[in-house]
C-alpha atoms as a PDB file:
ATOM      1  CA  MET A   1     152.026 -44.608  79.327  1.00  0.00           C
ATOM      2  CA  LYS A   2     155.087 -43.733  81.395  1.00  0.00           C
ATOM      3  CA  CYS A   3     155.676 -40.489  83.231  1.00  0.00           C
ATOM      4  CA  GLU A   4     157.452 -37.932  81.021  1.00  0.00           C
ATOM      5  CA  PHE A   5     159.462 -36.444  83.907  1.00  0.00           C
ATOM      6  CA  ILE A   6     163.219 -36.388  83.277  1.00  0.00           C
ATOM      7  CA  LYS A   7     165.327 -36.933  86.395  1.00  0.00           C
ATOM      8  CA  SER A   8     168.470 -34.949  87.232  1.00  0.00           C
ATOM      9  CA  ASP A   9     170.624 -37.799  85.884  1.00  0.00           C
ATOM     10  CA  GLY A  10     168.874 -37.473  82.500  1.00  0.00           C
ATOM     11  CA  SER A  11     166.845 -40.677  82.807  1.00  0.00           C
ATOM     12  CA  GLN A  12     163.081 -40.794  82.490  1.00  0.00           C
ATOM     13  CA  CYS A  13     160.816 -41.627  85.420  1.00  0.00           C
ATOM     14  CA  HIS A  14     159.570 -45.218  85.064  1.00  0.00           C
ATOM     15  CA  ALA A  15     156.295 -44.749  86.963  1.00  0.00           C
ATOM     16  CA  ASN A  16     152.984 -44.943  85.133  1.00  0.00           C
ATOM     17  CA  ALA A  17     151.446 -41.603  84.226  1.00  0.00           C
ATOM     18  CA  MET A  18     148.132 -40.630  85.764  1.00  0.00           C
ATOM     19  CA  SER A  19     145.076 -40.848  83.538  1.00  0.00           C
ATOM     20  CA  ASN A  20     144.600 -37.600  81.605  1.00  0.00           C
ATOM     21  CA  SER A  21     148.159 -36.525  82.438  1.00  0.00           C
ATOM     22  CA  ASP A  22     151.660 -36.971  81.054  1.00  0.00           C
ATOM     23  CA  TYR A  23     153.089 -37.336  84.573  1.00  0.00           C
ATOM     24  CA  CYS A  24     152.898 -39.696  87.526  1.00  0.00           C
ATOM     25  CA  TYR A  25     151.377 -38.421  90.774  1.00  0.00           C
ATOM     26  CA  LEU A  26     154.707 -37.292  92.283  1.00  0.00           C
ATOM     27  CA  HIS A  27     155.855 -35.416  89.172  1.00  0.00           C
ATOM     28  CA  ASN A  28     152.503 -33.915  88.175  1.00  0.00           C
ATOM     29  CA  PRO A  29     153.004 -30.111  88.232  1.00  0.00           C
ATOM     30  CA  GLU A  30     149.236 -29.598  88.662  1.00  0.00           C
ATOM     31  CA  ILE A  31     149.353 -31.098  92.170  1.00  0.00           C
ATOM     32  CA  ALA A  32     150.797 -28.889  94.919  1.00  0.00           C
ATOM     33  CA  GLU A  33     153.955 -30.173  96.616  1.00  0.00           C
ATOM     34  CA  GLU A  34     152.333 -29.816 100.042  1.00  0.00           C
ATOM     35  CA  THR A  35     149.401 -31.971  98.921  1.00  0.00           C
ATOM     36  CA  LYS A  36     151.808 -34.635  97.628  1.00  0.00           C
ATOM     37  CA  ARG A  37     153.747 -34.593 100.899  1.00  0.00           C
ATOM     38  CA  LEU A  38     150.606 -34.866 103.045  1.00  0.00           C
ATOM     39  CA  ASN A  39     149.242 -37.697 100.905  1.00  0.00           C
ATOM     40  CA  GLN A  40     152.531 -39.605 101.193  1.00  0.00           C
ATOM     41  CA  ILE A  41     152.368 -39.313 104.988  1.00  0.00           C
ATOM     42  CA  LYS A  42     148.698 -40.250 105.060  1.00  0.00           C
ATOM     43  CA  GLY A  43     149.265 -43.131 102.637  1.00  0.00           C
ATOM     44  CA  GLY A  44     151.877 -44.642 104.914  1.00  0.00           C
ATOM     45  CA  LYS A  45     149.444 -44.537 107.815  1.00  0.00           C
ATOM     46  CA  ASN A  46     146.717 -46.133 105.709  1.00  0.00           C
ATOM     47  CA  ARG A  47     148.970 -49.107 104.965  1.00  0.00           C
ATOM     48  CA  ALA A  48     149.490 -49.867 108.646  1.00  0.00           C
ATOM     49  CA  VAL A  49     147.649 -53.001 109.732  1.00  0.00           C
ATOM     50  CA  MET A  50     145.821 -52.913 113.025  1.00  0.00           C
ATOM     51  CA  LEU A  51     143.923 -55.730 114.669  1.00  0.00           C
ATOM     52  CA  LYS A  52     140.227 -55.090 115.173  1.00  0.00           C
ATOM     53  CA  GLU A  53     140.538 -56.344 118.722  1.00  0.00           C
ATOM     54  CA  ALA A  54     143.481 -57.368 120.853  1.00  0.00           C
ATOM     55  CA  LEU A  55     144.437 -61.014 120.783  1.00  0.00           C
ATOM     56  CA  PRO A  56     144.340 -62.905 124.074  1.00  0.00           C
ATOM     57  CA  PRO A  57     147.710 -62.928 125.833  1.00  0.00           C
ATOM     58  CA  MET A  58     149.781 -66.087 125.461  1.00  0.00           C
ATOM     59  CA  LYS A  59     152.806 -67.047 127.542  1.00  0.00           C
ATOM     60  CA  ILE A  60     155.519 -68.248 125.223  1.00  0.00           C
ATOM     61  CA  GLN A  61     158.243 -69.844 127.305  1.00  0.00           C
ATOM     62  CA  THR A  62     158.914 -73.099 125.472  1.00  0.00           C
ATOM     63  CA  PRO A  63     159.114 -74.323 121.876  1.00  0.00           C
ATOM     64  CA  ASP A  64     155.757 -76.070 122.443  1.00  0.00           C
ATOM     65  CA  ASP A  65     154.200 -72.700 123.341  1.00  0.00           C
ATOM     66  CA  THR A  66     155.563 -71.316 120.079  1.00  0.00           C
ATOM     67  CA  VAL A  67     154.022 -74.201 118.146  1.00  0.00           C
ATOM     68  CA  SER A  68     150.690 -73.463 119.855  1.00  0.00           C
ATOM     69  CA  LEU A  69     150.948 -69.806 118.839  1.00  0.00           C
ATOM     70  CA  LEU A  70     151.661 -70.771 115.233  1.00  0.00           C
ATOM     71  CA  ALA A  71     148.731 -73.206 115.190  1.00  0.00           C
ATOM     72  CA  ASP A  72     146.439 -70.522 116.646  1.00  0.00           C
ATOM     73  CA  THR A  73     147.673 -68.008 114.059  1.00  0.00           C
ATOM     74  CA  ILE A  74     147.073 -70.423 111.188  1.00  0.00           C
ATOM     75  CA  GLY A  75     143.559 -71.069 112.456  1.00  0.00           C
ATOM     76  CA  ARG A  76     142.816 -67.357 112.703  1.00  0.00           C
ATOM     77  CA  VAL A  77     144.098 -66.678 109.183  1.00  0.00           C
ATOM     78  CA  ARG A  78     142.114 -69.573 107.745  1.00  0.00           C
ATOM     79  CA  GLY A  79     139.010 -68.366 109.578  1.00  0.00           C
ATOM     80  CA  GLY A  80     139.444 -64.828 108.239  1.00  0.00           C
ATOM     81  CA  GLU A  81     139.971 -63.389 111.731  1.00  0.00           C
ATOM     82  CA  MET A  82     143.561 -62.217 111.232  1.00  0.00           C
ATOM     83  CA  ASP A  83     145.211 -60.116 108.539  1.00  0.00           C
ATOM     84  CA  ILE A  84     147.884 -62.035 106.684  1.00  0.00           C
ATOM     85  CA  LYS A  85     150.453 -59.291 107.354  1.00  0.00           C
ATOM     86  CA  VAL A  86     150.010 -59.758 111.099  1.00  0.00           C
ATOM     87  CA  ALA A  87     150.261 -63.520 110.642  1.00  0.00           C
ATOM     88  CA  ASN A  88     153.465 -63.132 108.611  1.00  0.00           C
ATOM     89  CA  CYS A  89     154.937 -60.967 111.358  1.00  0.00           C
ATOM     90  CA  LEU A  90     154.034 -63.547 114.009  1.00  0.00           C
ATOM     91  CA  GLY A  91     155.499 -66.333 111.877  1.00  0.00           C
ATOM     92  CA  PHE A  92     158.722 -64.378 111.395  1.00  0.00           C
ATOM     93  CA  LEU A  93     159.034 -63.647 115.117  1.00  0.00           C
ATOM     94  CA  CYS A  94     158.226 -67.275 116.006  1.00  0.00           C
ATOM     95  CA  GLY A  95     161.061 -68.391 113.722  1.00  0.00           C
ATOM     96  CA  HIS A  96     163.490 -66.183 115.624  1.00  0.00           C
ATOM     97  CA  LEU A  97     162.099 -67.360 118.952  1.00  0.00           C
ATOM     98  CA  LEU A  98     162.477 -71.020 118.002  1.00  0.00           C
ATOM     99  CA  LYS A  99     166.075 -70.339 116.963  1.00  0.00           C
ATOM    100  CA  ALA A 100     166.709 -68.651 120.327  1.00  0.00           C
ATOM    101  CA  PHE A 101     165.250 -71.676 122.147  1.00  0.00           C
ATOM    102  CA  GLU A 102     167.510 -73.941 120.087  1.00  0.00           C
ATOM    103  CA  VAL A 103     170.623 -71.889 120.880  1.00  0.00           C
ATOM    104  CA  ALA A 104     169.750 -71.793 124.590  1.00  0.00           C
ATOM    105  CA  ARG A 105     169.243 -75.593 124.611  1.00  0.00           C
ATOM    106  CA  LEU A 106     172.572 -76.166 122.862  1.00  0.00           C
ATOM    107  CA  ASN A 107     174.265 -73.809 125.296  1.00  0.00           C
ATOM    108  CA  ASP A 108     172.863 -75.815 128.225  1.00  0.00           C
ATOM    109  CA  LYS A 109     174.196 -79.029 126.668  1.00  0.00           C
ATOM    110  CA  VAL A 110     177.640 -77.519 126.131  1.00  0.00           C
ATOM    111  CA  GLU A 111     177.768 -76.369 129.763  1.00  0.00           C
ATOM    112  CA  LEU A 112     176.799 -79.864 130.930  1.00  0.00           C
ATOM    113  CA  ILE A 113     179.481 -81.470 128.773  1.00  0.00           C
ATOM    114  CA  GLU A 114     182.065 -78.997 130.062  1.00  0.00           C
ATOM    115  CA  ARG A 115     181.143 -79.859 133.668  1.00  0.00           C
ATOM    116  CA  ILE A 116     181.438 -83.582 132.947  1.00  0.00           C
ATOM    117  CA  VAL A 117     184.834 -83.108 131.287  1.00  0.00           C
ATOM    118  CA  LEU A 118     186.079 -81.019 134.212  1.00  0.00           C
ATOM    119  CA  GLU A 119     184.869 -83.655 136.691  1.00  0.00           C
ATOM    120  CA  LYS A 120     186.639 -86.426 134.756  1.00  0.00           C
ATOM    121  CA  ARG A 121     189.867 -84.399 134.656  1.00  0.00           C
ATOM    122  CA  LYS A 122     189.643 -83.803 138.369  1.00  0.00           C
ATOM    123  CA  TYR A 123     189.517 -87.546 139.107  1.00  0.00           C
ATOM    124  CA  SER A 124     192.015 -88.631 136.466  1.00  0.00           C
END
């Protein structure tokens, strides 16, 4: 059953109603607004993922280091040592890091080509 609350625009709330109620949690008039607010704050904190213990530090200065980090992360997820949300975050950040390494490498190549072109112009 859907919540019976009617929004200010005239549409009905699409959330599921609580058991033994015609309203969802946020629109239930039997629950104090302060309680709802505190539970929303607390709920957000409960969803935060924390590691049980800190991971060992890893220097990540090359694409190979990034590959090692990804391999380590995969192993930890498969072994049940790491929450998948943490692993997803690391994977996302590794993707950006690999892209940054790629851009830096291309930039170095462009600078080298520019130097070679300038040298050839100087002697032409």
